[in-house]
Protein backbone atom coordinates (compact mmCIF):
# COMPACT_ATOMS: atom_id res chain seq x y z
CA UNK A 1 -12.19 -11.02 -28.90
CA UNK A 2 -14.51 -9.74 -31.49
CA UNK A 3 -13.72 -5.92 -32.32
CA UNK A 4 -15.05 -3.57 -34.37
CA UNK A 5 -14.91 0.22 -34.79
CA UNK A 6 -17.57 2.98 -35.01
CA UNK A 7 -17.54 6.27 -36.13
CA UNK A 8 -19.70 8.65 -38.33
CA UNK A 9 -18.79 11.70 -40.84
CA UNK A 10 -20.85 14.13 -38.18
CA UNK A 11 -17.57 13.96 -36.30
CA UNK A 12 -15.58 15.72 -39.08
CA UNK A 13 -17.67 18.75 -38.95
CA UNK A 14 -16.24 20.10 -35.79
CA UNK A 15 -13.60 22.38 -37.68
CA UNK A 16 -10.11 23.38 -36.49
CA UNK A 17 -8.59 26.44 -36.59
CA UNK A 18 -4.95 26.80 -37.95
CA UNK A 19 -2.48 25.00 -35.88
CA UNK A 20 -5.04 23.85 -33.57
CA UNK A 21 -3.96 19.91 -32.95
CA UNK A 22 -7.08 18.36 -32.68
CA UNK A 23 -8.17 18.54 -35.78
CA UNK A 24 -10.90 16.56 -38.37
CA UNK A 25 -7.79 14.68 -39.89
CA UNK A 26 -7.76 13.06 -36.89
CA UNK A 27 -10.48 11.17 -37.90
CA UNK A 28 -9.15 10.67 -41.42
CA UNK A 29 -6.17 8.95 -39.97
CA UNK A 30 -7.58 6.62 -38.32
CA UNK A 31 -10.62 5.40 -40.90
CA UNK A 32 -7.62 5.04 -43.75
CA UNK A 33 -5.43 2.98 -41.33
CA UNK A 34 -8.73 0.85 -40.07
CA UNK A 35 -9.70 0.26 -43.87
CA UNK A 36 -6.08 -0.98 -44.54
CA UNK A 37 -6.34 -3.24 -42.03
CA UNK A 38 -9.11 -4.97 -42.74
CA UNK A 39 -11.05 -3.94 -38.85
CA UNK A 40 -14.63 -3.84 -39.55
CA UNK A 41 -15.85 -0.56 -39.64
CA UNK A 42 -19.60 1.06 -39.26
CA UNK A 43 -18.99 5.00 -40.38
CA UNK A 44 -22.76 5.64 -40.03
CA UNK A 45 -24.40 5.63 -36.21
CA UNK A 46 -27.61 7.10 -35.35
CA UNK A 47 -29.01 6.53 -31.50
CA UNK A 48 -31.61 7.86 -29.97
CA UNK A 49 -31.69 9.28 -26.26
CA UNK A 50 -28.10 11.27 -26.52
CA UNK A 51 -29.54 14.41 -24.91
CA UNK A 52 -30.84 12.27 -21.90
CA UNK A 53 -27.42 10.46 -21.80
CA UNK A 54 -25.71 13.86 -21.31
CA UNK A 55 -27.78 15.60 -19.50
CA UNK A 56 -27.26 12.67 -16.83
CA UNK A 57 -23.61 13.54 -16.43
CA UNK A 58 -23.66 17.26 -17.41
CA UNK A 59 -25.72 20.17 -16.39
CA UNK A 60 -28.70 21.37 -17.97
CA UNK A 61 -27.39 24.67 -17.89
CA UNK A 62 -23.96 24.17 -19.16
CA UNK A 63 -25.88 22.01 -22.16
CA UNK A 64 -27.54 25.29 -22.85
CA UNK A 65 -25.01 27.75 -22.43
CA UNK A 66 -23.27 25.36 -24.97
CA UNK A 67 -25.98 25.10 -27.60
CA UNK A 68 -26.30 28.90 -27.28
CA UNK A 69 -22.54 29.23 -27.60
CA UNK A 70 -22.71 27.35 -30.64
CA UNK A 71 -25.49 28.96 -32.16
CA UNK A 72 -23.85 32.13 -31.86
CA UNK A 73 -21.12 31.33 -34.35
CA UNK A 74 -17.25 31.21 -34.57
CA UNK A 75 -15.92 32.04 -30.89
CA UNK A 76 -14.62 29.93 -27.76
CA UNK A 77 -16.30 28.11 -25.05
CA UNK A 78 -15.02 28.28 -21.09
CA UNK A 79 -11.54 28.18 -22.59
CA UNK A 80 -9.15 29.15 -25.90
CA UNK A 81 -8.42 25.61 -26.25
CA UNK A 82 -12.36 25.20 -27.15
CA UNK A 83 -13.30 26.58 -30.10
CA UNK A 84 -16.31 26.41 -31.39
CA UNK A 85 -17.58 26.18 -35.35
CA UNK A 86 -20.97 25.83 -36.81
CA UNK A 87 -20.26 22.23 -36.99
CA UNK A 88 -18.93 21.61 -33.13
CA UNK A 89 -22.34 20.87 -32.15
CA UNK A 90 -23.39 18.35 -34.84
CA UNK A 91 -19.72 16.76 -33.84
CA UNK A 92 -20.15 16.54 -30.35
CA UNK A 93 -23.93 14.94 -30.19
CA UNK A 94 -22.31 12.55 -33.24
CA UNK A 95 -19.84 11.53 -30.31
CA UNK A 96 -22.42 11.02 -28.02
CA UNK A 97 -24.14 8.63 -30.20
CA UNK A 98 -21.47 6.46 -31.21
CA UNK A 99 -20.21 5.79 -28.08
CA UNK A 100 -23.36 5.00 -27.22
CA UNK A 101 -24.13 2.54 -30.06
CA UNK A 102 -20.80 1.08 -29.83
CA UNK A 103 -21.88 0.04 -26.36
CA UNK A 104 -24.97 -1.19 -27.68
CA UNK A 105 -23.30 -3.23 -30.01
CA UNK A 106 -21.11 -4.45 -26.99
CA UNK A 107 -23.04 -5.67 -24.54
CA UNK A 108 -25.42 -7.37 -27.12
CA UNK A 109 -23.27 -10.41 -26.78
CA UNK A 110 -20.10 -11.71 -24.66
CA UNK A 111 -16.45 -11.02 -26.12
CA UNK A 112 -16.83 -7.98 -27.85
CA UNK A 113 -14.49 -5.40 -27.87
CA UNK A 114 -15.99 -1.86 -29.35
CA UNK A 115 -13.66 1.21 -30.62
CA UNK A 116 -15.50 4.51 -30.83
CA UNK A 117 -13.48 6.72 -33.18
CA UNK A 118 -15.06 10.14 -31.81
CA UNK A 119 -13.98 13.43 -31.80
CA UNK A 120 -14.40 16.24 -29.94
CA UNK A 121 -12.91 14.24 -27.53
CA UNK A 122 -14.13 13.90 -23.72
CA UNK A 123 -12.26 13.46 -20.73
CA UNK A 124 -11.70 16.61 -19.95
CA UNK A 125 -14.83 18.00 -19.69
CA UNK A 126 -16.31 18.85 -16.60
CA UNK A 127 -19.87 18.66 -15.18
CA UNK A 128 -20.33 22.49 -16.34
CA UNK A 129 -17.64 23.52 -18.56
CA UNK A 130 -15.96 22.70 -21.55
CA UNK A 131 -11.99 22.39 -20.99
CA UNK A 132 -8.94 20.85 -23.08
CA UNK A 133 -10.52 20.14 -26.67
CA UNK A 134 -13.73 18.41 -25.00
CA UNK A 135 -17.12 19.40 -24.65
CA UNK A 136 -18.92 16.69 -23.34
CA UNK A 137 -17.77 13.64 -21.32
CA UNK A 138 -18.06 10.78 -23.83
CA UNK A 139 -16.81 7.97 -21.80
CA UNK A 140 -18.55 9.50 -18.40
CA UNK A 141 -21.96 9.29 -20.50
CA UNK A 142 -21.30 5.37 -21.67
CA UNK A 143 -20.32 4.54 -17.64
CA UNK A 144 -23.27 6.65 -16.50
CA UNK A 145 -25.61 4.77 -18.83
CA UNK A 146 -24.51 1.39 -18.28
CA UNK A 147 -25.17 2.03 -14.49
CA UNK A 148 -28.22 3.37 -15.09
CA UNK A 149 -29.00 -0.20 -17.38
CA UNK A 150 -28.41 -2.24 -14.18
CA UNK A 151 -24.24 -2.52 -14.04
CA UNK A 152 -23.16 -2.14 -10.42
CA UNK A 153 -19.61 -1.65 -10.56
CA UNK A 154 -17.90 -0.06 -13.95
CA UNK A 155 -14.04 0.50 -14.76
CA UNK A 156 -12.62 3.44 -16.50
CA UNK A 157 -9.11 3.03 -17.56
CA UNK A 158 -7.51 6.09 -18.62
CA UNK A 159 -4.05 6.11 -20.72
CA UNK A 160 -4.46 9.26 -22.50
CA UNK A 161 -0.84 11.44 -21.80
CA UNK A 162 -3.25 13.83 -19.96
CA UNK A 163 -5.26 13.15 -16.66
CA UNK A 164 -8.63 13.41 -17.07
CA UNK A 165 -10.20 15.21 -14.65
CA UNK A 166 -13.18 15.98 -15.90
CA UNK A 167 -14.17 12.16 -15.54
CA UNK A 168 -12.42 11.84 -12.18
CA UNK A 169 -14.62 14.68 -10.93
CA UNK A 170 -17.61 12.81 -12.10
CA UNK A 171 -17.47 9.52 -10.44
CA UNK A 172 -14.71 10.54 -7.56
CA UNK A 173 -17.51 10.43 -4.96
CA UNK A 174 -19.21 7.16 -5.78
CA UNK A 175 -18.30 3.48 -5.14
CA UNK A 176 -19.85 2.33 -8.35
CA UNK A 177 -17.60 3.83 -11.01
CA UNK A 178 -13.61 2.67 -10.47
CA UNK A 179 -11.45 5.87 -12.07
CA UNK A 180 -7.48 5.05 -12.89
CA UNK A 181 -5.25 6.94 -14.87
CA UNK A 182 -1.87 6.30 -16.45
CA UNK A 183 -0.70 9.97 -17.28
CA UNK A 184 2.42 12.20 -17.35
CA UNK A 185 3.07 14.57 -13.78
CA UNK A 186 3.02 17.52 -13.76
CA UNK A 187 1.23 18.11 -16.96
CA UNK A 188 -1.79 19.82 -18.04
CA UNK A 189 -4.18 19.67 -16.57
CA UNK A 190 -2.60 19.83 -13.01
CA UNK A 191 -4.56 17.06 -11.67
CA UNK A 192 -3.82 13.33 -11.09
CA UNK A 193 -1.58 12.85 -7.78
CA UNK A 194 -1.83 9.77 -5.76
CA UNK A 195 -2.99 11.13 -3.36
CA UNK A 196 -6.46 12.29 -4.72
CA UNK A 197 -7.85 8.41 -4.48
CA UNK A 198 -11.71 9.07 -4.10
CA UNK A 199 -13.70 11.12 -1.37
CA UNK A 200 -16.95 9.75 0.58
CA UNK A 201 -18.29 6.89 -0.81
CA UNK A 202 -16.07 6.42 -3.59
CA UNK A 203 -12.58 6.78 -1.62
CA UNK A 204 -10.77 4.21 -2.78
CA UNK A 205 -11.98 3.93 -6.32
CA UNK A 206 -9.80 6.28 -8.08
CA UNK A 207 -6.47 5.16 -9.15
CA UNK A 208 -4.14 7.86 -10.24
CA UNK A 209 -0.52 6.50 -11.43
CA UNK A 210 1.48 9.42 -12.19
CA UNK A 211 4.13 8.98 -14.77
CA UNK A 212 7.29 11.55 -15.51
CA UNK A 213 8.35 12.67 -18.56
CA UNK A 214 9.97 10.22 -21.01
CA UNK A 215 8.50 7.46 -19.48
CA UNK A 216 8.09 4.36 -22.17
CA UNK A 217 6.86 0.69 -22.54
CA UNK A 218 9.21 -0.54 -19.88
CA UNK A 219 7.55 2.31 -17.27
CA UNK A 220 4.16 1.27 -18.40
CA UNK A 221 4.33 -2.09 -17.85
CA UNK A 222 6.00 -1.92 -14.44
CA UNK A 223 2.78 0.28 -13.99
CA UNK A 224 -0.24 -2.14 -15.50
CA UNK A 225 1.70 -5.17 -13.86
CA UNK A 226 1.93 -3.76 -10.71
CA UNK A 227 -0.92 -1.08 -9.99
CA UNK A 228 -3.32 -1.10 -12.70
CA UNK A 229 -4.29 -4.41 -13.49
CA UNK A 230 -4.09 -5.59 -9.68
CA UNK A 231 -6.98 -3.17 -8.59
CA UNK A 232 -9.17 -3.53 -11.52
CA UNK A 233 -9.12 -7.14 -11.00
CA UNK A 234 -10.10 -6.49 -7.24
CA UNK A 235 -12.51 -4.34 -8.28
CA UNK A 236 -14.67 -6.91 -10.53
CA UNK A 237 -16.14 -4.47 -12.61
CA UNK A 238 -19.26 -5.46 -14.57
CA UNK A 239 -17.65 -3.49 -17.79
CA UNK A 240 -14.63 -2.03 -18.76
CA UNK A 241 -14.30 1.33 -20.62
CA UNK A 242 -11.11 2.78 -21.98
CA UNK A 243 -10.62 6.22 -22.90
CA UNK A 244 -8.08 5.80 -25.46
CA UNK A 245 -5.40 8.63 -25.76
CA UNK A 246 -2.35 8.12 -27.95
CA UNK A 247 -0.73 10.93 -26.85
CA UNK A 248 1.92 9.06 -24.86
CA UNK A 249 3.51 7.76 -28.02
CA UNK A 250 6.99 8.71 -29.19
CA UNK A 251 7.12 11.85 -31.36
CA UNK A 252 3.44 13.21 -30.34
CA UNK A 253 3.42 16.77 -29.92
CA UNK A 254 1.45 17.18 -27.24
CA UNK A 255 2.96 14.38 -25.47
CA UNK A 256 6.48 13.79 -23.85
CA UNK A 257 6.66 10.00 -23.67
CA UNK A 258 8.36 7.30 -25.48
CA UNK A 259 5.39 4.76 -26.04
CA UNK A 260 6.05 2.61 -29.38
CA UNK A 261 3.35 0.33 -31.59
CA UNK A 262 4.62 -2.64 -29.48
CA UNK A 263 3.37 -0.84 -26.01
CA UNK A 264 -0.11 0.22 -26.98
CA UNK A 265 -0.40 -3.81 -28.41
CA UNK A 266 0.48 -4.69 -25.50
CA UNK A 267 -2.09 -2.48 -23.24
CA UNK A 268 -4.51 -3.78 -25.70
CA UNK A 269 -3.52 -7.32 -24.66
CA UNK A 270 -3.84 -6.73 -20.93
CA UNK A 271 -7.18 -4.64 -20.69
CA UNK A 272 -8.51 -7.54 -23.17
CA UNK A 273 -7.44 -9.88 -20.52
CA UNK A 274 -8.90 -8.11 -17.75
CA UNK A 275 -12.17 -8.03 -19.58
CA UNK A 276 -12.37 -11.22 -20.17
CA UNK A 277 -11.88 -12.03 -16.22
CA UNK A 278 -13.95 -9.89 -15.03
CA UNK A 279 -16.97 -8.62 -17.42
CA UNK A 280 -17.50 -11.79 -19.93
CA UNK A 281 -15.03 -9.82 -22.49
CA UNK A 282 -17.01 -6.52 -22.51
CA UNK A 283 -14.68 -3.66 -23.37
CA UNK A 284 -15.55 -0.37 -25.38
CA UNK A 285 -12.97 2.29 -25.77
CA UNK A 286 -13.28 5.53 -26.65
CA UNK A 287 -10.64 8.03 -28.58
CA UNK A 288 -9.11 10.71 -26.59
CA UNK A 289 -6.14 12.52 -27.82
CA UNK A 290 -3.18 11.38 -30.31
CA UNK A 291 -2.07 14.08 -32.02
CA UNK A 292 0.62 12.80 -34.17
CA UNK A 293 -1.18 11.99 -37.55
CA UNK A 294 1.78 10.18 -39.31
CA UNK A 295 1.50 7.43 -36.47
CA UNK A 296 -2.27 7.77 -35.09
CA UNK A 297 -4.08 5.28 -37.50
CA UNK A 298 -0.98 2.71 -37.10
CA UNK A 299 -1.65 3.58 -33.44
CA UNK A 300 -5.33 2.64 -33.16
CA UNK A 301 -4.79 -0.26 -34.85
CA UNK A 302 -1.92 -1.70 -32.94
CA UNK A 303 -3.82 -1.37 -29.95
CA UNK A 304 -7.34 -3.32 -31.16
CA UNK A 305 -4.86 -5.74 -32.72
CA UNK A 306 -3.86 -6.40 -29.15
CA UNK A 307 -7.11 -6.33 -27.64
CA UNK A 308 -8.13 -9.00 -30.66
CA UNK A 309 -5.66 -11.42 -28.50
CA UNK A 310 -6.13 -11.05 -24.62
CA UNK A 311 -3.04 -11.70 -22.30
CA UNK A 312 -1.95 -11.53 -18.96
CA UNK A 313 0.45 -9.22 -17.40
CA UNK A 314 1.78 -11.39 -14.65
């Protein structure tokens, strides 16, 4: 599997208040680790059509409200978890452009895995509101772009320690996007119970695997082996997207799990195998959480090392 990382310096312009976990240094840690590892890295990604792609997922009124709020200067949008700075808009639009640019590269040839190292993250962002450090739902924008381009079935795997409420809510009534999440439960944002399986035409295309605090490699492997991978193979997606949060790692300040680097290597291998089996090896992972600056870069590289070497979990 050919693996490449995509990012953009504009994603650093969303400034963080003192003590705020989602800070520019997260990307710095990832870029440094990627450079040291020798993984191919593109640092400037400009992609037309970002606004249209965002408006296919978020309401026009929300996007305009976001832009007005940023234009007024420092403040908050919708919650204390979403502080604004003069560079927030540039970073949020750049995150979308990077995700779409990585998607273009992934789709150009089989057996390509792209990683979008972006911030702000996205999976908590709802159609008309910001939430949980997130403004635009980057992975949802990518999924909708794939559907608009003719893909009939897209799967999203979310292994952030927090449930991706925004992504689930955007697609839970549809059959063309399968959303699956492994997450700490009960925990922020309070969604993601097993009973949430989709609605209407989308019933059965949402899979939540809530896990208790302290879960580590063994518990996650059981979830991948017994639930997630079989469900993905049954759905047979034409493209596989990953909301890649690294806050399930041992020691993360916002998580309570105990996954180590070997665990993330295994997740990469198993998801890459699904991509090879179902969608010509096409996989796009988009950064979500992960707040331990000492470990984050190594964890991303570990995951991508696994992606490069597909392996069945069976």
